């Protein structure tokens, strides 16, 4: 099974200890993996790739993602967004190479656009940071920002971005049902605000300021297109949290 999935046998044992998969056993004690175990391992590996930590997966795989199709739908949404980004980048690269093949140098504007569109997540995160900066400055004093920078635990920015991508994709899919009171929506809200708490440290004043900064940014025509969330999505998650 490890060879088939391209993972190590050690990884399979880690998932087993975490309660994410329970292989059958022969009379001699050897592990036996069948089709149902392979399907469960796909769910585990897909959620792991989307940035979800192992400690949260067991509960998710008993609830919202108990069915393989639910994980595949989430995986499809996230990968489709990445495909769109990749296609735009490939088209720009092809056009740039065609320009160079004609013996024409790329203009500064061409190079700037190529750089912006082909750095993917890093570029997107920078665009969001730039869009949020004036609104954060309006609601957080210099002292607030310095305190948060020193108090916040160190984290992997790429990992955090993947975690938010997964949460936003899941929230978008759930919002399509129109019911923020489902167990799945409420579970999402708990995990969503647990992420927020990592930044705010559980401080109500910081939480309120962060909410105000996001509301202002989403209402700002110059900023909203660079943001990964919409007022409708935020309202849905807020209603799920209230439920």
Protein backbone atom coordinates (compact mmCIF):
# COMPACT_ATOMS: atom_id res chain seq x y z
CA UNK A 1 0.00 0.00 0.00
CA UNK A 2 2.87 2.36 0.77
CA UNK A 3 4.35 1.74 -2.69
CA UNK A 4 0.98 2.14 -4.39
CA UNK A 5 0.29 5.48 -2.74
CA UNK A 6 3.85 6.79 -2.93
CA UNK A 7 4.21 7.24 0.83
CA UNK A 8 6.43 5.56 3.41
CA UNK A 9 5.39 2.64 5.57
CA UNK A 10 6.25 4.87 8.52
CA UNK A 11 3.63 7.39 7.36
CA UNK A 12 0.99 4.66 7.24
CA UNK A 13 1.83 3.70 10.82
CA UNK A 14 1.56 7.37 11.88
CA UNK A 15 -1.92 7.59 10.33
CA UNK A 16 -2.87 4.34 12.06
CA UNK A 17 -1.70 5.60 15.47
CA UNK A 18 -3.68 8.80 14.90
CA UNK A 19 -6.83 6.72 14.34
CA UNK A 20 -7.18 7.83 10.73
CA UNK A 21 -7.06 4.33 9.22
CA UNK A 22 -7.34 0.89 10.81
CA UNK A 23 -6.05 -1.91 8.57
CA UNK A 24 -7.24 -5.45 9.07
CA UNK A 25 -4.87 -8.01 10.57
CA UNK A 26 -3.99 -11.54 9.62
CA UNK A 27 -3.81 -14.27 12.25
CA UNK A 28 -0.06 -13.66 12.32
CA UNK A 29 -0.56 -9.94 12.98
CA UNK A 30 0.34 -8.59 9.53
CA UNK A 31 -1.55 -5.52 8.35
CA UNK A 32 -3.94 -6.02 5.42
CA UNK A 33 -5.19 -3.05 3.37
CA UNK A 34 -8.24 -3.35 1.13
CA UNK A 35 -10.18 -0.95 -1.14
CA UNK A 36 -11.94 0.77 1.79
CA UNK A 37 -8.59 1.47 3.45
CA UNK A 38 -7.21 2.84 0.17
CA UNK A 39 -10.21 5.20 -0.09
CA UNK A 40 -9.72 6.38 3.49
CA UNK A 41 -6.00 6.97 2.88
CA UNK A 42 -6.86 9.08 -0.15
CA UNK A 43 -9.03 11.23 2.10
CA UNK A 44 -6.23 11.54 4.65
CA UNK A 45 -3.58 12.44 2.08
CA UNK A 46 -5.87 14.89 0.27
CA UNK A 47 -6.69 16.73 3.50
CA UNK A 48 -3.01 16.70 4.49
CA UNK A 49 -2.08 18.21 1.13
CA UNK A 50 -4.64 20.98 1.72
CA UNK A 51 -2.85 21.86 4.95
CA UNK A 52 -5.07 20.29 7.60
CA UNK A 53 -3.16 18.94 10.63
CA UNK A 54 -3.49 15.27 11.59
CA UNK A 55 -4.99 16.10 14.97
CA UNK A 56 -8.08 17.59 13.29
CA UNK A 57 -8.56 14.93 10.63
CA UNK A 58 -10.06 12.18 12.79
CA UNK A 59 -13.04 14.35 13.72
CA UNK A 60 -13.42 15.64 10.16
CA UNK A 61 -13.41 12.12 8.73
CA UNK A 62 -16.22 11.17 11.09
CA UNK A 63 -18.31 14.18 10.11
CA UNK A 64 -18.12 16.46 7.10
CA UNK A 65 -15.62 14.29 5.20
CA UNK A 66 -16.85 10.82 6.17
CA UNK A 67 -17.85 10.26 2.53
CA UNK A 68 -15.05 10.09 -0.03
CA UNK A 69 -17.04 12.30 -2.43
CA UNK A 70 -17.05 15.20 0.06
CA UNK A 71 -13.25 15.19 0.17
CA UNK A 72 -13.05 14.86 -3.61
CA UNK A 73 -15.37 17.87 -4.01
CA UNK A 74 -13.20 20.00 -1.74
CA UNK A 75 -10.04 18.78 -3.44
CA UNK A 76 -11.59 19.59 -6.83
CA UNK A 77 -12.43 23.17 -5.82
CA UNK A 78 -8.93 23.89 -4.54
CA UNK A 79 -7.17 22.24 -7.48
CA UNK A 80 -9.45 24.00 -10.00
CA UNK A 81 -8.39 27.36 -8.57
CA UNK A 82 -4.74 26.31 -8.90
CA UNK A 83 -5.33 25.11 -12.47
CA UNK A 84 -6.79 28.49 -13.42
CA UNK A 85 -3.71 30.20 -11.97
CA UNK A 86 -1.41 27.80 -13.81
CA UNK A 87 -3.19 28.30 -17.14
CA UNK A 88 -2.91 32.07 -16.88
CA UNK A 89 0.77 31.74 -16.03
CA UNK A 90 1.46 29.29 -18.87
CA UNK A 91 -0.26 31.56 -21.40
CA UNK A 92 1.85 34.51 -20.28
CA UNK A 93 5.06 32.47 -20.41
CA UNK A 94 4.21 31.17 -23.90
CA UNK A 95 3.55 34.73 -25.11
CA UNK A 96 6.81 35.93 -23.55
CA UNK A 97 8.82 33.16 -25.19
CA UNK A 98 7.19 33.90 -28.56
CA UNK A 99 8.20 37.55 -28.18
CA UNK A 100 11.78 36.56 -27.40
CA UNK A 101 11.82 34.12 -30.34
CA UNK A 102 11.01 37.04 -32.66
CA UNK A 103 14.11 38.79 -31.38
CA UNK A 104 12.12 41.36 -29.42
CA UNK A 105 12.98 42.18 -25.82
CA UNK A 106 10.25 42.06 -23.20
CA UNK A 107 9.12 45.48 -22.06
CA UNK A 108 9.29 46.44 -18.37
CA UNK A 109 5.47 46.20 -18.25
CA UNK A 110 5.55 42.72 -19.80
CA UNK A 111 8.16 41.58 -17.29
CA UNK A 112 6.24 43.06 -14.37
CA UNK A 113 3.02 41.32 -15.38
CA UNK A 114 4.86 38.04 -15.99
CA UNK A 115 6.39 38.23 -12.53
CA UNK A 116 3.11 39.09 -10.84
CA UNK A 117 1.11 36.34 -12.52
CA UNK A 118 3.62 33.47 -12.31
CA UNK A 119 4.71 33.65 -8.68
CA UNK A 120 1.35 32.12 -7.67
CA UNK A 121 0.75 31.90 -3.93
CA UNK A 122 3.56 34.23 -2.93
CA UNK A 123 2.32 36.94 -5.28
CA UNK A 124 -1.28 36.45 -4.14
CA UNK A 125 -0.29 36.74 -0.49
CA UNK A 126 1.67 39.93 -1.19
CA UNK A 127 -1.29 41.41 -3.07
CA UNK A 128 -3.60 40.61 -0.18
CA UNK A 129 -1.14 42.07 2.33
CA UNK A 130 -0.87 45.27 0.29
CA UNK A 131 -4.66 45.51 0.02
CA UNK A 132 -5.09 45.01 3.76
CA UNK A 133 -2.22 47.26 4.90
CA UNK A 134 -4.05 50.64 4.99
CA UNK A 135 -7.07 49.09 6.71
CA UNK A 136 -4.94 47.31 9.29
CA UNK A 137 -3.09 50.58 9.94
CA UNK A 138 -6.42 52.35 10.46
CA UNK A 139 -7.56 49.95 13.17
CA UNK A 140 -4.27 48.78 14.72
CA UNK A 141 -1.84 51.27 16.21
CA UNK A 142 1.91 50.88 15.76
CA UNK A 143 2.03 49.60 19.33
CA UNK A 144 -0.70 47.03 18.54
CA UNK A 145 1.21 45.75 15.53
CA UNK A 146 4.49 45.52 17.44
CA UNK A 147 2.79 43.65 20.27
CA UNK A 148 1.19 41.16 17.88
CA UNK A 149 4.46 40.62 16.05
CA UNK A 150 6.23 39.72 19.29
CA UNK A 151 3.40 37.71 20.85
CA UNK A 152 2.35 35.63 17.85
CA UNK A 153 3.97 32.18 17.72
CA UNK A 154 6.24 31.50 14.72
CA UNK A 155 4.44 29.86 11.81
CA UNK A 156 5.04 28.67 8.25
CA UNK A 157 3.38 31.24 5.98
CA UNK A 158 2.92 28.76 3.12
CA UNK A 159 1.33 26.25 5.47
CA UNK A 160 -1.03 28.89 6.87
CA UNK A 161 -1.98 29.93 3.32
CA UNK A 162 -2.79 26.33 2.43
CA UNK A 163 -4.89 25.95 5.58
CA UNK A 164 -6.88 29.08 4.72
CA UNK A 165 -7.28 27.94 1.10
CA UNK A 166 -8.82 24.71 2.36
CA UNK A 167 -11.12 26.49 4.83
CA UNK A 168 -12.28 29.02 2.24
CA UNK A 169 -12.94 26.29 -0.35
CA UNK A 170 -14.91 24.28 2.20
CA UNK A 171 -16.87 27.36 3.32
CA UNK A 172 -17.70 28.25 -0.30
CA UNK A 173 -19.00 24.74 -0.93
CA UNK A 174 -21.08 24.77 2.27
CA UNK A 175 -22.44 28.26 1.52
CA UNK A 176 -23.97 26.84 -1.67
CA UNK A 177 -26.34 24.81 0.54
CA UNK A 178 -27.60 28.05 2.09
CA UNK A 179 -27.83 26.65 5.62
CA UNK A 180 -25.26 27.85 8.18
CA UNK A 181 -26.89 25.75 10.90
CA UNK A 182 -25.80 22.32 9.63
CA UNK A 183 -23.33 20.32 11.75
CA UNK A 184 -20.81 20.63 8.92
CA UNK A 185 -21.11 24.43 8.80
CA UNK A 186 -20.82 24.72 12.58
CA UNK A 187 -17.75 22.49 12.58
CA UNK A 188 -16.21 24.66 9.86
CA UNK A 189 -16.91 27.79 11.91
CA UNK A 190 -15.15 26.30 14.93
CA UNK A 191 -12.05 25.53 12.89
CA UNK A 192 -12.21 28.91 11.09
CA UNK A 193 -12.24 30.89 14.32
CA UNK A 194 -9.59 28.65 15.85
CA UNK A 195 -7.36 29.90 13.02
CA UNK A 196 -8.32 33.49 13.79
CA UNK A 197 -7.49 32.90 17.45
CA UNK A 198 -3.95 31.91 16.46
CA UNK A 199 -3.47 35.51 15.30
CA UNK A 200 -5.50 37.33 17.94
CA UNK A 201 -4.35 35.24 20.90
CA UNK A 202 -7.98 35.12 22.04
CA UNK A 203 -8.03 38.83 22.83
CA UNK A 204 -11.56 40.26 22.18
CA UNK A 205 -10.23 43.75 21.38
CA UNK A 206 -7.81 42.39 18.78
CA UNK A 207 -10.59 40.21 17.35
CA UNK A 208 -12.89 43.24 16.98
CA UNK A 209 -10.19 45.33 15.32
CA UNK A 210 -9.36 42.53 12.90
CA UNK A 211 -13.02 42.17 11.97
CA UNK A 212 -13.32 45.90 11.35
CA UNK A 213 -10.20 45.91 9.18
CA UNK A 214 -11.59 43.09 7.03
CA UNK A 215 -15.01 44.73 6.71
CA UNK A 216 -13.38 47.97 5.54
CA UNK A 217 -11.14 46.14 3.07
CA UNK A 218 -14.03 44.19 1.54
CA UNK A 219 -15.95 47.45 1.09
CA UNK A 220 -12.93 49.11 -0.57
CA UNK A 221 -13.17 48.85 -4.41
CA UNK A 222 -9.38 49.13 -4.66
CA UNK A 223 -8.80 46.22 -2.27
CA UNK A 224 -11.67 43.75 -2.57
CA UNK A 225 -10.45 41.99 -5.74
CA UNK A 226 -7.19 41.04 -4.01
CA UNK A 227 -8.99 39.44 -1.06
CA UNK A 228 -9.79 35.71 -0.89
CA UNK A 229 -13.08 36.26 0.95
CA UNK A 230 -16.32 38.10 0.20
CA UNK A 231 -18.83 39.74 2.55
CA UNK A 232 -21.30 36.95 1.74
CA UNK A 233 -18.78 34.27 2.72
CA UNK A 234 -17.88 36.08 5.94
CA UNK A 235 -21.58 36.47 6.77
CA UNK A 236 -22.15 32.75 6.23
CA UNK A 237 -19.25 31.76 8.49
CA UNK A 238 -20.42 34.29 11.09
CA UNK A 239 -23.93 32.84 11.03
CA UNK A 240 -22.49 29.33 11.41
CA UNK A 241 -20.45 30.50 14.40
CA UNK A 242 -23.54 32.04 15.97
CA UNK A 243 -25.45 28.79 15.41
